[in-house]
Amino acid sequence: MTAKEVKIREQLALCRGSRKSYFQELFKPLTYSEGIKEMYTLCDAHWLLAACLSNLATMKNQHEFIVMKLYRKEGATSCYLSYEDGNGTQIKRVDYYYTTFPLSDREHDNLRLPAITLYFQNDMLYLPSEN
């Protein structure tokens, strides 16, 4: 894990209980938290926010809770985003053949953990630490 990645993870871990929500005009009424704003700013990942919101706009009526997991192997320039129902069942997978996303997957107790996980519920996209 690079020093930049450690710093980003430390900053994102500080995001707790958002008081403010944001939206993008194109995806109203979907909103996102201060933690998501912090994530896309630190990771220069406006593309990830737009991708999530566009996919969530089509899924939100079929699923009350959605978990998004971005997987990127260390050093890889590609990644994929898995949309799950909260019980581990994949709803959709989107592959991205080029990314500069700075976070990579981690291993813990022989389990592969995603580079980042996001939650969506009640028309709000947020970080797990903000739950």
Protein backbone atom coordinates (compact mmCIF):
# COMPACT_ATOMS: atom_id res chain seq x y z
CA MET A 1 0.00 0.00 0.00
CA THR A 2 1.44 3.36 -1.03
CA ALA A 3 1.81 6.32 1.33
CA LYS A 4 -0.84 8.17 -0.70
CA GLU A 5 -3.26 5.29 -0.29
CA VAL A 6 -2.65 5.12 3.47
CA LYS A 7 -3.30 8.87 3.78
CA ILE A 8 -6.53 8.67 1.73
CA ARG A 9 -7.81 5.71 3.77
CA GLU A 10 -7.04 7.52 7.03
CA GLN A 11 -8.92 10.62 5.87
CA LEU A 12 -11.93 8.64 4.66
CA ALA A 13 -12.09 6.72 7.96
CA LEU A 14 -12.71 10.06 9.70
CA CYS A 15 -15.94 10.62 7.74
CA ARG A 16 -18.82 10.09 10.15
CA GLY A 17 -22.52 10.91 10.00
CA SER A 18 -22.89 13.52 7.29
CA ARG A 19 -24.80 16.66 8.10
CA LYS A 20 -24.96 17.85 4.52
CA SER A 21 -25.98 16.14 1.31
CA TYR A 22 -25.14 16.97 -2.28
CA PHE A 23 -26.68 16.16 -5.64
CA GLN A 24 -25.86 16.34 -9.32
CA GLU A 25 -28.57 17.99 -11.37
CA LEU A 26 -28.65 15.13 -13.87
CA PHE A 27 -29.38 12.52 -11.17
CA LYS A 28 -31.86 14.31 -8.91
CA PRO A 29 -33.34 13.17 -6.50
CA LEU A 30 -30.32 10.96 -5.74
CA THR A 31 -28.00 12.52 -3.19
CA TYR A 32 -24.56 11.79 -1.79
CA SER A 33 -22.83 12.47 1.50
CA GLU A 34 -19.90 14.60 2.59
CA GLY A 35 -17.82 11.41 2.76
CA ILE A 36 -18.53 10.63 -0.89
CA LYS A 37 -17.58 14.20 -1.80
CA GLU A 38 -14.34 13.76 0.17
CA MET A 39 -13.66 10.41 -1.56
CA TYR A 40 -14.09 11.67 -5.10
CA THR A 41 -12.01 14.76 -4.32
CA LEU A 42 -9.13 12.86 -2.68
CA CYS A 43 -9.19 10.10 -5.32
CA ASP A 44 -9.87 12.40 -8.29
CA ALA A 45 -12.78 10.10 -9.03
CA HIS A 46 -15.63 12.24 -10.32
CA TRP A 47 -16.12 9.49 -12.90
CA LEU A 48 -16.88 7.00 -10.11
CA LEU A 49 -19.59 9.22 -8.64
CA ALA A 50 -21.20 9.70 -12.06
CA ALA A 51 -21.00 5.96 -12.80
CA CYS A 52 -22.56 5.02 -9.48
CA LEU A 53 -25.37 7.56 -9.71
CA SER A 54 -26.25 6.65 -13.30
CA ASN A 55 -26.45 2.95 -12.47
CA LEU A 56 -28.26 3.52 -9.18
CA ALA A 57 -30.89 5.63 -10.93
CA THR A 58 -31.97 2.52 -12.84
CA MET A 59 -31.71 0.10 -9.87
CA LYS A 60 -33.11 2.06 -6.94
CA ASN A 61 -36.73 1.00 -7.44
CA GLN A 62 -35.87 -2.71 -7.42
CA HIS A 63 -33.54 -2.70 -4.39
CA GLU A 64 -33.95 -0.98 -1.03
CA PHE A 65 -30.24 -1.25 -0.18
CA ILE A 66 -27.31 -1.53 -2.60
CA VAL A 67 -23.62 -2.09 -1.86
CA MET A 68 -21.05 -1.01 -4.43
CA LYS A 69 -17.58 -2.55 -4.30
CA LEU A 70 -14.77 -1.32 -6.51
CA TYR A 71 -12.03 -3.88 -7.14
CA ARG A 72 -8.61 -2.88 -8.47
CA LYS A 73 -5.50 -4.98 -8.06
CA GLU A 74 -2.42 -3.07 -6.92
CA GLY A 75 -0.65 -1.58 -9.93
CA ALA A 76 -3.51 -2.41 -12.32
CA THR A 77 -4.92 0.20 -14.68
CA SER A 78 -8.32 -1.48 -14.88
CA CYS A 79 -11.01 -2.15 -12.29
CA TYR A 80 -14.58 -3.31 -11.93
CA LEU A 81 -17.51 -2.13 -9.88
CA SER A 82 -19.82 -4.72 -8.37
CA TYR A 83 -23.34 -3.77 -7.32
CA GLU A 84 -24.74 -6.12 -4.67
CA ASP A 85 -28.00 -6.43 -2.75
CA GLY A 86 -26.44 -6.32 0.73
CA ASN A 87 -26.53 -10.11 1.09
CA GLY A 88 -23.58 -10.71 -1.23
CA THR A 89 -25.68 -11.35 -4.34
CA GLN A 90 -24.33 -9.46 -7.33
CA ILE A 91 -26.94 -7.39 -9.16
CA LYS A 92 -24.63 -5.92 -11.78
CA ARG A 93 -20.95 -5.73 -12.68
CA VAL A 94 -19.36 -2.97 -14.72
CA ASP A 95 -15.80 -3.28 -16.02
CA TYR A 96 -13.60 -0.24 -16.56
CA TYR A 97 -10.63 -0.85 -18.78
CA TYR A 98 -8.69 2.20 -17.66
CA THR A 99 -8.60 3.97 -14.32
CA THR A 100 -6.25 6.09 -12.26
CA PHE A 101 -8.15 5.33 -9.05
CA PRO A 102 -5.47 5.44 -6.33
CA LEU A 103 -6.86 2.79 -3.95
CA SER A 104 -6.33 -0.91 -4.49
CA ASP A 105 -7.75 -4.12 -3.08
CA ARG A 106 -6.50 -5.39 0.27
CA GLU A 107 -6.23 -8.79 1.87
CA HIS A 108 -7.37 -9.63 5.37
CA ASP A 109 -7.43 -13.17 6.78
CA ASN A 110 -7.01 -14.56 3.24
CA LEU A 111 -10.05 -12.61 2.04
CA ARG A 112 -9.88 -10.15 -0.83
CA LEU A 113 -11.34 -6.83 0.25
CA PRO A 114 -12.38 -4.24 -2.34
CA ALA A 115 -10.46 -1.02 -2.91
CA ILE A 116 -13.51 0.85 -1.67
CA THR A 117 -17.06 0.05 -0.62
CA LEU A 118 -20.03 2.42 -0.91
CA TYR A 119 -23.61 2.12 0.35
CA PHE A 120 -26.85 3.35 -1.17
CA GLN A 121 -30.14 3.59 0.72
CA ASN A 122 -33.08 6.03 0.77
CA ASP A 123 -31.74 7.80 -2.34
CA MET A 124 -28.42 8.55 -0.54
CA LEU A 125 -24.95 7.33 -1.54
CA TYR A 126 -22.55 7.21 1.42
CA LEU A 127 -19.42 5.63 2.90
CA PRO A 128 -19.83 2.69 5.31
CA SER A 129 -18.25 4.78 8.10
CA GLU A 130 -21.13 7.27 7.72
CA ASN A 131 -23.78 4.66 8.45
